[in-house]
Structures are given as structure tokens and as C-alpha cells.
């Protein structure tokens, strides 16, 4: 969220898709996980498609770029750690989520206090409004389900598979957003890039199913 203040959305999506490369690297360093040439090829195709999609939006903001790449690196470490601890500790998805909450909760609370977000939240005029509380409840439920499926998929498959699923999601996000909300001008390069990313994700899934 912080990075989009200096990086436009197409370029943000482009840079975020490089997470798969960082994830593959972290899997090697943390778990000595090596991947076959077809898997590496599918990752390269996704990254190439991402840069094709964002080719017309190449703008440079040092701070925005830095935040995106920090997010990519921390996401890769996060997923690789979930996969490693999940398989070595014997904890299920709920157990890992509980430990994650205990570790990260105090840090997030302290950060929101320092930045003043906690105070602004408490002063929100509609904080106890039934409508707001209902929306907040459903938001929490969706956040829980999202995190549960991320933990479950990462433990069951791999950190790289979870990163690939994130890229596959972008294809549907862009498509559904374009149909429902419009306002996005047609760009052939963007369509080609999105298609290459989808093809790379499909190739990865095929290679995993076939055990290649």
C-alpha cells in the first residue's frame, strides 16, 4: 500500500510478480530446494510477461521501487519459512497461524501506536456503528480465510507454488476489474503480458502435476 504512492498500479503489479524469483532463491537457501529447468522456465516466462505488461508504464520512483522489493523479499522469506517450519514442526495451519499472531501481534500494535493509526482508529466517528462493525466482521473473516489458505497451500505444496497462485490470481483480478469497473484503456502489450504470465503459471502447474 505504501509503495503505490510512488509507483503506478501496472508497474506495481509488474514488480510484485518478481516475488517468484525471490521465493525460489529463498527456498534454495533455507531448504536447499532445487528446481528443474521446466520450473525455472515457467518462472522466467512469468517475469518476462510481467515486464511486457508494464512496458508502457516504466516510471521510476526510488522509494516506491525500494518498498516493493523489500515487500518481495520479506514475502519470499515469509512463505519459505512457513513451508519449512510447517513440515519440520508438525504444526498444522491453525497452529502456525496462532504462533504467527503471537509473534507479530505486539509488533503490529506497537507500530500502529507509534504512527498514530491506533489513535485515529479509536477516534473514528462510526467505530461502533452496526453497519461498520458488520463490514469489519466480514473483513476479518475474509482475512482469516485468506491467511488460512495461504498457510495450508504453502505447507501442503511449497512456497513457490503459493507465489505462483498469487500470480494466477492477478490474471482474474485484472479481468474481473476491467469487466466490472471499466476505466482501464485497452493496451495490447498489457494483454500480451498478462497472457504470458497466465501461460507461465499454467506451465508451472502442468510441470508439478507431471512431476517434472
N, C-alpha and C. Protein backbone atom coordinates (compact mmCIF):
# COMPACT_ATOMS: atom_id res chain seq x y z
N UNK A 1 0.83 -1.21 0.00
CA UNK A 1 0.00 0.00 0.00
C UNK A 1 0.86 1.27 0.00
N UNK A 2 1.95 1.21 0.74
CA UNK A 2 2.84 2.37 0.82
C UNK A 2 3.52 2.63 -0.51
N UNK A 3 3.85 1.58 -1.24
CA UNK A 3 4.62 1.74 -2.47
C UNK A 3 3.81 2.37 -3.60
N UNK A 4 2.47 2.16 -3.61
CA UNK A 4 1.66 2.68 -4.71
C UNK A 4 1.55 4.20 -4.69
N UNK A 5 2.06 4.84 -3.63
CA UNK A 5 2.10 6.30 -3.62
C UNK A 5 3.11 6.82 -4.64
N UNK A 6 4.12 6.01 -4.94
CA UNK A 6 5.14 6.45 -5.89
C UNK A 6 5.24 5.59 -7.13
N UNK A 7 4.53 4.44 -7.15
CA UNK A 7 4.59 3.52 -8.29
C UNK A 7 3.17 3.30 -8.78
N UNK A 8 2.95 3.46 -10.09
CA UNK A 8 1.60 3.25 -10.62
C UNK A 8 1.24 1.76 -10.56
N UNK A 9 -0.05 1.47 -10.65
CA UNK A 9 -0.55 0.12 -10.44
C UNK A 9 0.02 -0.91 -11.43
N UNK A 10 0.06 -0.62 -12.76
CA UNK A 10 0.65 -1.61 -13.67
C UNK A 10 2.11 -1.94 -13.33
N UNK A 11 2.88 -0.91 -12.96
CA UNK A 11 4.27 -1.16 -12.62
C UNK A 11 4.39 -1.87 -11.29
N UNK A 12 3.48 -1.58 -10.36
CA UNK A 12 3.46 -2.27 -9.08
C UNK A 12 3.23 -3.76 -9.30
N UNK A 13 2.24 -4.08 -10.13
CA UNK A 13 1.95 -5.48 -10.44
C UNK A 13 3.15 -6.15 -11.08
N UNK A 14 3.81 -5.43 -11.98
CA UNK A 14 4.99 -5.96 -12.66
C UNK A 14 6.08 -6.30 -11.65
N UNK A 15 6.38 -5.37 -10.77
CA UNK A 15 7.45 -5.58 -9.80
C UNK A 15 7.09 -6.65 -8.78
N UNK A 16 5.83 -6.72 -8.40
CA UNK A 16 5.42 -7.73 -7.41
C UNK A 16 5.54 -9.15 -7.94
N UNK A 17 5.40 -9.30 -9.23
CA UNK A 17 5.49 -10.64 -9.80
C UNK A 17 6.91 -11.21 -9.74
N UNK A 18 7.89 -10.35 -9.53
CA UNK A 18 9.25 -10.86 -9.36
C UNK A 18 9.41 -11.59 -8.03
N UNK A 19 8.36 -11.59 -7.21
CA UNK A 19 8.41 -12.33 -5.94
C UNK A 19 8.74 -13.79 -6.16
N UNK A 20 8.29 -14.36 -7.29
CA UNK A 20 8.53 -15.78 -7.56
C UNK A 20 10.03 -16.07 -7.62
N UNK A 21 10.81 -15.13 -8.16
CA UNK A 21 12.26 -15.32 -8.25
C UNK A 21 12.88 -15.30 -6.85
N UNK A 22 12.46 -14.34 -6.03
CA UNK A 22 12.96 -14.26 -4.66
C UNK A 22 12.55 -15.50 -3.86
N UNK A 23 11.33 -15.98 -4.09
CA UNK A 23 10.86 -17.16 -3.37
C UNK A 23 11.67 -18.39 -3.74
N UNK A 24 11.93 -18.56 -5.02
CA UNK A 24 12.73 -19.68 -5.48
C UNK A 24 14.14 -19.62 -4.88
N UNK A 25 14.69 -18.41 -4.77
CA UNK A 25 16.01 -18.23 -4.18
C UNK A 25 16.01 -18.57 -2.69
N UNK A 26 14.98 -18.09 -1.97
CA UNK A 26 14.90 -18.34 -0.53
C UNK A 26 14.67 -19.83 -0.24
N UNK A 27 13.92 -20.51 -1.09
CA UNK A 27 13.73 -21.95 -0.92
C UNK A 27 15.07 -22.68 -1.01
N UNK A 28 15.92 -22.20 -1.88
CA UNK A 28 17.23 -22.83 -2.03
C UNK A 28 18.10 -22.59 -0.78
N UNK A 29 18.09 -21.36 -0.27
CA UNK A 29 18.94 -21.04 0.88
C UNK A 29 18.41 -21.64 2.18
N UNK A 30 17.09 -21.66 2.36
CA UNK A 30 16.52 -22.15 3.61
C UNK A 30 16.31 -23.66 3.63
N UNK A 31 15.96 -24.23 2.48
CA UNK A 31 15.65 -25.66 2.44
C UNK A 31 16.46 -26.44 1.42
N UNK A 32 17.40 -25.76 0.76
CA UNK A 32 18.22 -26.40 -0.28
C UNK A 32 17.35 -27.01 -1.37
N UNK A 33 16.22 -26.37 -1.64
CA UNK A 33 15.28 -26.83 -2.66
C UNK A 33 15.77 -26.43 -4.04
N UNK A 34 15.97 -27.41 -4.90
CA UNK A 34 16.40 -27.14 -6.28
C UNK A 34 15.24 -27.44 -7.22
N UNK A 35 15.15 -26.65 -8.28
CA UNK A 35 14.04 -26.79 -9.22
C UNK A 35 14.56 -27.21 -10.59
N UNK A 36 13.70 -27.90 -11.31
CA UNK A 36 14.06 -28.42 -12.63
C UNK A 36 14.01 -27.30 -13.67
N UNK A 37 14.68 -27.49 -14.81
CA UNK A 37 14.65 -26.47 -15.87
C UNK A 37 13.25 -26.06 -16.32
N UNK A 38 12.28 -26.99 -16.45
CA UNK A 38 10.92 -26.53 -16.83
C UNK A 38 10.31 -25.58 -15.80
N UNK A 39 10.54 -25.83 -14.52
CA UNK A 39 10.02 -24.95 -13.47
C UNK A 39 10.68 -23.58 -13.56
N UNK A 40 11.99 -23.57 -13.73
CA UNK A 40 12.73 -22.31 -13.86
C UNK A 40 12.26 -21.56 -15.10
N UNK A 41 11.98 -22.30 -16.18
CA UNK A 41 11.49 -21.68 -17.41
C UNK A 41 10.12 -21.04 -17.22
N UNK A 42 9.25 -21.69 -16.46
CA UNK A 42 7.91 -21.12 -16.21
C UNK A 42 8.02 -19.84 -15.37
N UNK A 43 8.94 -19.82 -14.41
CA UNK A 43 9.17 -18.62 -13.60
C UNK A 43 9.68 -17.48 -14.49
N UNK A 44 10.63 -17.81 -15.36
CA UNK A 44 11.18 -16.79 -16.27
C UNK A 44 10.10 -16.24 -17.19
N UNK A 45 9.19 -17.10 -17.64
CA UNK A 45 8.10 -16.66 -18.52
C UNK A 45 7.17 -15.69 -17.79
N UNK A 46 6.89 -15.96 -16.53
CA UNK A 46 6.03 -15.07 -15.74
C UNK A 46 6.67 -13.71 -15.57
N UNK A 47 7.95 -13.69 -15.22
CA UNK A 47 8.66 -12.42 -15.02
C UNK A 47 8.74 -11.64 -16.33
N UNK A 48 9.01 -12.34 -17.44
CA UNK A 48 9.06 -11.69 -18.74
C UNK A 48 7.70 -11.10 -19.10
N UNK A 49 6.63 -11.88 -18.87
CA UNK A 49 5.29 -11.38 -19.15
C UNK A 49 4.93 -10.18 -18.31
N UNK A 50 5.40 -10.16 -17.06
CA UNK A 50 5.13 -9.03 -16.18
C UNK A 50 5.76 -7.75 -16.71
N UNK A 51 6.99 -7.84 -17.19
CA UNK A 51 7.65 -6.65 -17.71
C UNK A 51 7.08 -6.21 -19.06
N UNK A 52 6.57 -7.17 -19.84
CA UNK A 52 5.87 -6.80 -21.07
C UNK A 52 4.59 -6.05 -20.72
N UNK A 53 3.86 -6.53 -19.70
CA UNK A 53 2.61 -5.89 -19.30
C UNK A 53 2.83 -4.47 -18.80
N UNK A 54 3.95 -4.23 -18.16
CA UNK A 54 4.21 -2.90 -17.62
C UNK A 54 5.16 -2.06 -18.44
N UNK A 55 5.42 -2.48 -19.67
CA UNK A 55 6.43 -1.81 -20.50
C UNK A 55 6.09 -0.35 -20.80
N UNK A 56 4.81 -0.04 -20.94
CA UNK A 56 4.40 1.33 -21.27
C UNK A 56 4.28 2.21 -20.03
N UNK A 57 4.51 1.62 -18.87
CA UNK A 57 4.35 2.39 -17.63
C UNK A 57 5.65 2.44 -16.84
N UNK A 58 6.77 2.44 -17.54
CA UNK A 58 8.06 2.46 -16.86
C UNK A 58 8.34 3.85 -16.30
N UNK A 59 8.04 4.01 -15.05
CA UNK A 59 8.36 5.25 -14.34
C UNK A 59 9.22 4.86 -13.15
N UNK A 60 10.08 5.75 -12.72
CA UNK A 60 10.99 5.38 -11.65
C UNK A 60 10.81 6.27 -10.44
N UNK A 61 10.54 5.63 -9.32
CA UNK A 61 10.49 6.31 -8.04
C UNK A 61 11.29 5.45 -7.08
N UNK A 62 12.46 5.94 -6.68
CA UNK A 62 13.40 5.14 -5.91
C UNK A 62 12.77 4.58 -4.63
N UNK A 63 12.04 5.41 -3.92
CA UNK A 63 11.43 4.97 -2.66
C UNK A 63 10.36 3.91 -2.92
N UNK A 64 9.50 4.15 -3.93
CA UNK A 64 8.46 3.20 -4.25
C UNK A 64 9.03 1.86 -4.69
N UNK A 65 10.05 1.90 -5.57
CA UNK A 65 10.68 0.67 -6.03
C UNK A 65 11.31 -0.08 -4.86
N UNK A 66 11.97 0.64 -3.97
CA UNK A 66 12.65 0.02 -2.82
C UNK A 66 11.64 -0.69 -1.93
N UNK A 67 10.49 -0.03 -1.68
CA UNK A 67 9.46 -0.63 -0.81
C UNK A 67 8.90 -1.90 -1.45
N UNK A 68 8.67 -1.87 -2.77
CA UNK A 68 8.15 -3.05 -3.45
C UNK A 68 9.11 -4.22 -3.34
N UNK A 69 10.40 -3.97 -3.56
CA UNK A 69 11.38 -5.06 -3.50
C UNK A 69 11.59 -5.55 -2.06
N UNK A 70 11.49 -4.67 -1.09
CA UNK A 70 11.52 -5.11 0.31
C UNK A 70 10.33 -6.02 0.59
N UNK A 71 9.16 -5.64 0.07
CA UNK A 71 7.95 -6.47 0.22
C UNK A 71 8.15 -7.83 -0.45
N UNK A 72 8.76 -7.83 -1.63
CA UNK A 72 9.02 -9.09 -2.34
C UNK A 72 9.93 -10.00 -1.53
N UNK A 73 11.00 -9.43 -1.00
CA UNK A 73 11.97 -10.23 -0.25
C UNK A 73 11.34 -10.78 1.03
N UNK A 74 10.62 -9.92 1.76
CA UNK A 74 10.01 -10.37 3.01
C UNK A 74 8.90 -11.40 2.75
N UNK A 75 8.17 -11.23 1.65
CA UNK A 75 7.15 -12.23 1.28
C UNK A 75 7.79 -13.57 1.00
N UNK A 76 8.91 -13.55 0.27
CA UNK A 76 9.62 -14.79 -0.06
C UNK A 76 10.13 -15.48 1.21
N UNK A 77 10.72 -14.70 2.13
CA UNK A 77 11.21 -15.27 3.39
C UNK A 77 10.04 -15.83 4.20
N UNK A 78 8.95 -15.08 4.22
CA UNK A 78 7.75 -15.48 4.97
C UNK A 78 7.21 -16.82 4.47
N UNK A 79 7.04 -16.96 3.17
CA UNK A 79 6.49 -18.19 2.61
C UNK A 79 7.44 -19.36 2.78
N UNK A 80 8.74 -19.13 2.54
CA UNK A 80 9.72 -20.20 2.68
C UNK A 80 9.80 -20.66 4.14
N UNK A 81 9.68 -19.73 5.07
CA UNK A 81 9.72 -20.08 6.49
C UNK A 81 8.48 -20.88 6.89
N UNK A 82 7.31 -20.47 6.39
CA UNK A 82 6.08 -21.22 6.67
C UNK A 82 6.23 -22.66 6.19
N UNK A 83 6.73 -22.82 4.99
CA UNK A 83 6.88 -24.16 4.42
C UNK A 83 7.85 -25.01 5.23
N UNK A 84 8.97 -24.41 5.61
CA UNK A 84 9.99 -25.16 6.34
C UNK A 84 9.52 -25.53 7.74
N UNK A 85 8.98 -24.55 8.49
CA UNK A 85 8.53 -24.81 9.86
C UNK A 85 7.31 -25.73 9.87
N UNK A 86 6.42 -25.53 8.89
CA UNK A 86 5.23 -26.35 8.82
C UNK A 86 5.55 -27.83 8.65
N UNK A 87 6.58 -28.13 7.88
CA UNK A 87 6.93 -29.52 7.63
C UNK A 87 7.85 -30.11 8.70
N UNK A 88 8.58 -29.26 9.42
CA UNK A 88 9.51 -29.77 10.43
C UNK A 88 8.94 -29.77 11.84
N UNK A 89 7.97 -28.87 12.11
CA UNK A 89 7.44 -28.76 13.47
C UNK A 89 6.25 -29.67 13.74
N UNK A 90 5.56 -30.06 12.69
CA UNK A 90 4.36 -30.87 12.86
C UNK A 90 3.11 -30.06 13.14
N UNK A 91 3.24 -28.73 13.19
CA UNK A 91 2.08 -27.87 13.42
C UNK A 91 1.21 -27.81 12.16
N UNK A 92 -0.10 -27.76 12.35
CA UNK A 92 -0.99 -27.59 11.20
C UNK A 92 -1.15 -26.10 10.90
N UNK A 93 -2.01 -25.78 9.96
CA UNK A 93 -2.19 -24.39 9.55
C UNK A 93 -2.67 -23.51 10.69
N UNK A 94 -3.61 -24.04 11.51
CA UNK A 94 -4.12 -23.25 12.64
C UNK A 94 -3.02 -22.98 13.67
N UNK A 95 -2.20 -23.99 13.92
CA UNK A 95 -1.11 -23.83 14.88
C UNK A 95 -0.11 -22.79 14.43
N UNK A 96 0.24 -22.82 13.16
CA UNK A 96 1.18 -21.85 12.63
C UNK A 96 0.60 -20.44 12.65
N UNK A 97 -0.69 -20.32 12.31
CA UNK A 97 -1.33 -19.01 12.34
C UNK A 97 -1.37 -18.45 13.76
N UNK A 98 -1.60 -19.33 14.74
CA UNK A 98 -1.64 -18.90 16.14
C UNK A 98 -0.26 -18.38 16.56
N UNK A 99 0.79 -19.14 16.24
CA UNK A 99 2.15 -18.71 16.58
C UNK A 99 2.51 -17.42 15.86
N UNK A 100 2.10 -17.32 14.61
CA UNK A 100 2.38 -16.11 13.83
C UNK A 100 1.71 -14.89 14.46
N UNK A 101 0.48 -15.07 14.93
CA UNK A 101 -0.23 -13.97 15.59
C UNK A 101 0.44 -13.55 16.89
N UNK A 102 0.91 -14.53 17.67
CA UNK A 102 1.57 -14.22 18.94
C UNK A 102 2.88 -13.47 18.72
N UNK A 103 3.59 -13.85 17.66
CA UNK A 103 4.88 -13.21 17.38
C UNK A 103 4.69 -11.81 16.79
N UNK A 104 3.77 -11.69 15.84
CA UNK A 104 3.63 -10.43 15.09
C UNK A 104 2.67 -9.44 15.75
N UNK A 105 1.71 -9.93 16.54
CA UNK A 105 0.71 -9.05 17.13
C UNK A 105 1.27 -7.88 17.91
N UNK A 106 2.15 -8.12 18.88
CA UNK A 106 2.72 -7.00 19.65
C UNK A 106 3.47 -5.99 18.79
N UNK A 107 4.20 -6.48 17.79
CA UNK A 107 4.96 -5.58 16.91
C UNK A 107 4.02 -4.69 16.10
N UNK A 108 2.96 -5.28 15.57
CA UNK A 108 1.99 -4.51 14.78
C UNK A 108 1.28 -3.48 15.67
N UNK A 109 0.92 -3.88 16.88
CA UNK A 109 0.25 -2.97 17.82
C UNK A 109 1.15 -1.79 18.16
N UNK A 110 2.44 -2.08 18.41
CA UNK A 110 3.39 -1.00 18.73
C UNK A 110 3.57 -0.07 17.54
N UNK A 111 3.65 -0.63 16.34
CA UNK A 111 3.83 0.18 15.14
C UNK A 111 2.63 1.09 14.89
N UNK A 112 1.43 0.55 15.07
CA UNK A 112 0.22 1.38 14.86
C UNK A 112 0.13 2.48 15.91
N UNK A 113 0.64 2.20 17.12
CA UNK A 113 0.64 3.22 18.17
C UNK A 113 1.62 4.34 17.85
N UNK A 114 2.82 3.97 17.39
CA UNK A 114 3.85 4.95 17.07
C UNK A 114 3.42 5.84 15.91
N UNK A 115 2.80 5.25 14.89
CA UNK A 115 2.39 6.00 13.71
C UNK A 115 1.08 6.77 13.92
N UNK A 116 0.40 6.53 15.03
CA UNK A 116 -0.84 7.24 15.32
C UNK A 116 -2.08 6.60 14.74
N UNK A 117 -1.91 5.43 14.07
CA UNK A 117 -3.07 4.77 13.47
C UNK A 117 -4.04 4.27 14.53
N UNK A 118 -3.52 3.81 15.65
CA UNK A 118 -4.37 3.29 16.72
C UNK A 118 -5.27 4.39 17.27
N UNK A 119 -4.71 5.57 17.47
CA UNK A 119 -5.47 6.70 17.99
C UNK A 119 -6.54 7.13 17.00
N UNK A 120 -6.17 7.19 15.70
CA UNK A 120 -7.14 7.59 14.68
C UNK A 120 -8.28 6.57 14.58
N UNK A 121 -7.95 5.30 14.77
CA UNK A 121 -8.98 4.27 14.71
C UNK A 121 -9.96 4.42 15.87
N UNK A 122 -9.43 4.71 17.05
CA UNK A 122 -10.30 4.85 18.22
C UNK A 122 -11.17 6.11 18.13
N UNK A 123 -10.69 7.10 17.38
CA UNK A 123 -11.45 8.34 17.23
C UNK A 123 -12.38 8.32 16.02
N UNK A 124 -12.41 7.21 15.29
CA UNK A 124 -13.27 7.10 14.11
C UNK A 124 -14.74 7.25 14.52
N UNK A 125 -15.47 8.21 13.97
CA UNK A 125 -16.84 8.50 14.45
C UNK A 125 -17.82 7.36 14.28
N UNK A 126 -17.59 6.45 13.33
CA UNK A 126 -18.53 5.35 13.09
C UNK A 126 -18.00 4.02 13.61
N UNK A 127 -17.06 4.08 14.56
CA UNK A 127 -16.41 2.86 15.05
C UNK A 127 -17.41 1.85 15.59
N UNK A 128 -18.44 2.32 16.31
CA UNK A 128 -19.42 1.42 16.92
C UNK A 128 -20.73 1.37 16.13
N UNK A 129 -20.69 1.86 14.91
CA UNK A 129 -21.88 1.79 14.06
C UNK A 129 -22.13 0.33 13.64
N UNK A 130 -23.38 -0.14 13.72
CA UNK A 130 -23.68 -1.54 13.33
C UNK A 130 -23.22 -1.86 11.91
N UNK A 131 -23.43 -0.91 10.99
CA UNK A 131 -23.01 -1.15 9.61
C UNK A 131 -21.51 -1.33 9.50
N UNK A 132 -20.76 -0.45 10.17
CA UNK A 132 -19.30 -0.54 10.13
C UNK A 132 -18.82 -1.83 10.79
N UNK A 133 -19.39 -2.17 11.94
CA UNK A 133 -18.99 -3.38 12.65
C UNK A 133 -19.27 -4.63 11.82
N UNK A 134 -20.39 -4.62 11.07
CA UNK A 134 -20.73 -5.76 10.21
C UNK A 134 -19.70 -5.92 9.10
N UNK A 135 -19.37 -4.80 8.44
CA UNK A 135 -18.36 -4.83 7.38
C UNK A 135 -17.01 -5.26 7.93
N UNK A 136 -16.65 -4.75 9.12
CA UNK A 136 -15.39 -5.11 9.75
C UNK A 136 -15.33 -6.59 10.08
N UNK A 137 -16.46 -7.14 10.55
CA UNK A 137 -16.53 -8.56 10.88
C UNK A 137 -16.29 -9.41 9.64
N UNK A 138 -16.98 -9.08 8.54
CA UNK A 138 -16.80 -9.84 7.30
C UNK A 138 -15.38 -9.67 6.75
N UNK A 139 -14.81 -8.49 6.93
CA UNK A 139 -13.42 -8.27 6.51
C UNK A 139 -12.47 -9.17 7.29
N UNK A 140 -12.71 -9.30 8.59
CA UNK A 140 -11.88 -10.17 9.43
C UNK A 140 -12.03 -11.63 9.02
N UNK A 141 -13.25 -12.03 8.71
CA UNK A 141 -13.49 -13.42 8.28
C UNK A 141 -12.75 -13.70 6.99
N UNK A 142 -12.84 -12.77 6.03
CA UNK A 142 -12.14 -12.95 4.76
C UNK A 142 -10.63 -12.98 4.96
N UNK A 143 -10.13 -12.12 5.85
CA UNK A 143 -8.69 -12.09 6.13
C UNK A 143 -8.23 -13.41 6.75
N UNK A 144 -9.05 -13.95 7.64
CA UNK A 144 -8.73 -15.24 8.26
C UNK A 144 -8.69 -16.35 7.21
N UNK A 145 -9.71 -16.40 6.36
CA UNK A 145 -9.76 -17.43 5.32
C UNK A 145 -8.59 -17.30 4.35
N UNK A 146 -8.25 -16.05 4.01
CA UNK A 146 -7.13 -15.82 3.11
C UNK A 146 -5.84 -16.35 3.72
N UNK A 147 -5.57 -15.98 4.97
CA UNK A 147 -4.34 -16.42 5.62
C UNK A 147 -4.32 -17.93 5.83
N UNK A 148 -5.48 -18.50 6.16
CA UNK A 148 -5.53 -19.95 6.35
C UNK A 148 -5.19 -20.69 5.06
N UNK A 149 -5.78 -20.24 3.95
CA UNK A 149 -5.49 -20.91 2.68
C UNK A 149 -4.04 -20.72 2.26
N UNK A 150 -3.44 -19.54 2.57
CA UNK A 150 -2.03 -19.32 2.27
C UNK A 150 -1.15 -20.29 3.05
N UNK A 151 -1.41 -20.42 4.35
CA UNK A 151 -0.64 -21.34 5.18
C UNK A 151 -0.84 -22.78 4.71
N UNK A 152 -2.10 -23.13 4.45
CA UNK A 152 -2.42 -24.50 4.06
C UNK A 152 -1.74 -24.86 2.74
N UNK A 153 -1.87 -23.99 1.74
CA UNK A 153 -1.28 -24.25 0.44
C UNK A 153 0.24 -24.30 0.51
N UNK A 154 0.84 -23.40 1.31
CA UNK A 154 2.29 -23.36 1.41
C UNK A 154 2.85 -24.61 2.07
N UNK A 155 2.17 -25.09 3.12
CA UNK A 155 2.62 -26.30 3.80
C UNK A 155 2.40 -27.53 2.93
N UNK A 156 1.22 -27.60 2.31
CA UNK A 156 0.86 -28.77 1.51
C UNK A 156 1.70 -28.87 0.25
N UNK A 157 1.97 -27.75 -0.39
CA UNK A 157 2.73 -27.75 -1.63
C UNK A 157 4.12 -27.16 -1.41
N UNK A 158 4.29 -25.87 -1.70
CA UNK A 158 5.58 -25.22 -1.50
C UNK A 158 5.39 -23.71 -1.51
N UNK A 159 6.43 -23.00 -1.08
CA UNK A 159 6.39 -21.54 -1.10
C UNK A 159 6.28 -21.02 -2.52
N UNK A 160 6.99 -21.67 -3.46
CA UNK A 160 6.95 -21.24 -4.85
C UNK A 160 5.57 -21.44 -5.44
N UNK A 161 4.91 -22.55 -5.08
CA UNK A 161 3.55 -22.79 -5.57
C UNK A 161 2.60 -21.71 -5.10
N UNK A 162 2.74 -21.28 -3.84
CA UNK A 162 1.90 -20.21 -3.31
C UNK A 162 2.14 -18.90 -4.06
N UNK A 163 3.40 -18.60 -4.37
CA UNK A 163 3.71 -17.40 -5.15
C UNK A 163 3.10 -17.47 -6.54
N UNK A 164 3.12 -18.66 -7.13
CA UNK A 164 2.52 -18.86 -8.44
C UNK A 164 1.01 -18.63 -8.39
N UNK A 165 0.38 -19.11 -7.33
CA UNK A 165 -1.06 -18.92 -7.18
C UNK A 165 -1.40 -17.44 -7.09
N UNK A 166 -0.52 -16.67 -6.43
CA UNK A 166 -0.72 -15.23 -6.35
C UNK A 166 -0.68 -14.58 -7.72
N UNK A 167 0.24 -15.04 -8.57
CA UNK A 167 0.32 -14.50 -9.93
C UNK A 167 -0.90 -14.89 -10.75
N UNK A 168 -1.38 -16.11 -10.55
CA UNK A 168 -2.56 -16.56 -11.28
C UNK A 168 -3.77 -15.73 -10.88
N UNK A 169 -3.81 -15.34 -9.60
CA UNK A 169 -4.90 -14.52 -9.11
C UNK A 169 -4.96 -13.17 -9.83
N UNK A 170 -3.77 -12.60 -10.13
CA UNK A 170 -3.72 -11.30 -10.79
C UNK A 170 -4.44 -11.32 -12.13
N UNK A 171 -4.35 -12.44 -12.82
CA UNK A 171 -5.00 -12.55 -14.14
C UNK A 171 -6.51 -12.35 -14.00
N UNK A 172 -7.09 -13.00 -13.00
CA UNK A 172 -8.53 -12.89 -12.79
C UNK A 172 -8.90 -11.54 -12.19
N UNK A 173 -8.01 -11.02 -11.32
CA UNK A 173 -8.27 -9.71 -10.72
C UNK A 173 -8.36 -8.63 -11.79
N UNK A 174 -7.39 -8.62 -12.70
CA UNK A 174 -7.37 -7.64 -13.78
C UNK A 174 -8.59 -7.81 -14.69
N UNK A 175 -8.88 -9.08 -15.04
CA UNK A 175 -10.01 -9.34 -15.94
C UNK A 175 -11.34 -8.96 -15.34
N UNK A 176 -11.59 -9.38 -14.10
CA UNK A 176 -12.86 -9.06 -13.44
C UNK A 176 -12.97 -7.57 -13.19
N UNK A 177 -11.85 -6.94 -12.78
CA UNK A 177 -11.86 -5.49 -12.53
C UNK A 177 -12.16 -4.71 -13.80
N UNK A 178 -11.62 -5.17 -14.92
CA UNK A 178 -11.84 -4.48 -16.20
C UNK A 178 -13.31 -4.60 -16.62
N UNK A 179 -13.91 -5.78 -16.39
CA UNK A 179 -15.31 -6.00 -16.79
C UNK A 179 -16.27 -5.23 -15.87
N UNK A 180 -16.03 -5.27 -14.57
CA UNK A 180 -16.95 -4.68 -13.61
C UNK A 180 -16.82 -3.17 -13.48
N UNK A 181 -15.58 -2.68 -13.49
CA UNK A 181 -15.35 -1.27 -13.20
C UNK A 181 -14.97 -0.43 -14.41
N UNK A 182 -14.40 -1.08 -15.42
CA UNK A 182 -14.00 -0.33 -16.62
C UNK A 182 -12.98 0.74 -16.29
N UNK A 183 -12.86 1.71 -17.17
CA UNK A 183 -11.96 2.83 -16.94
C UNK A 183 -10.52 2.52 -17.27
N UNK A 184 -10.22 1.27 -17.62
CA UNK A 184 -8.85 0.89 -17.96
C UNK A 184 -8.73 0.79 -19.48
N UNK A 185 -7.94 1.65 -20.10
CA UNK A 185 -7.83 1.64 -21.55
C UNK A 185 -7.18 0.35 -22.04
N UNK A 186 -7.64 -0.09 -23.23
CA UNK A 186 -7.09 -1.31 -23.81
C UNK A 186 -5.65 -1.09 -24.25
N UNK A 187 -4.77 -1.98 -23.83
CA UNK A 187 -3.35 -1.91 -24.19
C UNK A 187 -2.90 -3.30 -24.60
N UNK A 188 -2.54 -3.46 -25.87
CA UNK A 188 -2.17 -4.77 -26.40
C UNK A 188 -1.00 -5.37 -25.64
N UNK A 189 0.01 -4.55 -25.31
CA UNK A 189 1.16 -5.06 -24.57
C UNK A 189 0.75 -5.59 -23.20
N UNK A 190 -0.16 -4.88 -22.57
CA UNK A 190 -0.62 -5.32 -21.25
C UNK A 190 -1.34 -6.65 -21.35
N UNK A 191 -2.18 -6.79 -22.37
CA UNK A 191 -2.92 -8.04 -22.58
C UNK A 191 -1.96 -9.19 -22.87
N UNK A 192 -0.96 -8.94 -23.73
CA UNK A 192 0.03 -9.97 -24.05
C UNK A 192 0.82 -10.37 -22.81
N UNK A 193 1.23 -9.36 -22.03
CA UNK A 193 1.99 -9.64 -20.82
C UNK A 193 1.19 -10.44 -19.82
N UNK A 194 -0.09 -10.08 -19.63
CA UNK A 194 -0.95 -10.83 -18.72
C UNK A 194 -1.12 -12.27 -19.22
N UNK A 195 -1.25 -12.41 -20.53
CA UNK A 195 -1.39 -13.75 -21.10
C UNK A 195 -0.15 -14.60 -20.89
N UNK A 196 1.03 -14.00 -21.05
CA UNK A 196 2.28 -14.73 -20.82
C UNK A 196 2.40 -15.16 -19.36
N UNK A 197 1.99 -14.27 -18.45
CA UNK A 197 2.03 -14.62 -17.03
C UNK A 197 1.10 -15.78 -16.72
N UNK A 198 -0.11 -15.75 -17.31
CA UNK A 198 -1.06 -16.84 -17.12
C UNK A 198 -0.51 -18.13 -17.71
N UNK A 199 0.13 -18.04 -18.87
CA UNK A 199 0.72 -19.22 -19.52
C UNK A 199 1.84 -19.80 -18.66
N UNK A 200 2.66 -18.92 -18.07
CA UNK A 200 3.74 -19.38 -17.19
C UNK A 200 3.20 -20.10 -15.97
N UNK A 201 2.13 -19.57 -15.39
CA UNK A 201 1.51 -20.22 -14.23
C UNK A 201 0.93 -21.58 -14.61
N UNK A 202 0.30 -21.64 -15.79
CA UNK A 202 -0.25 -22.90 -16.27
C UNK A 202 0.84 -23.93 -16.54
N UNK A 203 1.97 -23.47 -17.10
CA UNK A 203 3.10 -24.36 -17.37
C UNK A 203 3.66 -24.91 -16.05
N UNK A 204 3.74 -24.05 -15.05
CA UNK A 204 4.23 -24.49 -13.74
C UNK A 204 3.31 -25.57 -13.17
N UNK A 205 2.00 -25.33 -13.23
CA UNK A 205 1.04 -26.30 -12.70
C UNK A 205 1.15 -27.62 -13.45
N UNK A 206 1.31 -27.56 -14.76
CA UNK A 206 1.46 -28.79 -15.57
C UNK A 206 2.71 -29.56 -15.16
N UNK A 207 3.81 -28.82 -14.96
CA UNK A 207 5.07 -29.48 -14.57
C UNK A 207 4.96 -30.13 -13.20
N UNK A 208 4.25 -29.49 -12.27
CA UNK A 208 4.09 -30.05 -10.94
C UNK A 208 3.21 -31.29 -10.98
N UNK A 209 2.14 -31.24 -11.78
CA UNK A 209 1.25 -32.40 -11.89
C UNK A 209 1.98 -33.60 -12.49
N UNK A 210 2.80 -33.34 -13.49
CA UNK A 210 3.54 -34.41 -14.18
C UNK A 210 4.80 -34.80 -13.41
N UNK A 211 5.13 -34.04 -12.35
CA UNK A 211 6.32 -34.37 -11.57
C UNK A 211 7.61 -34.01 -12.23
N UNK A 212 7.59 -32.99 -13.12
CA UNK A 212 8.78 -32.60 -13.85
C UNK A 212 9.54 -31.52 -13.08
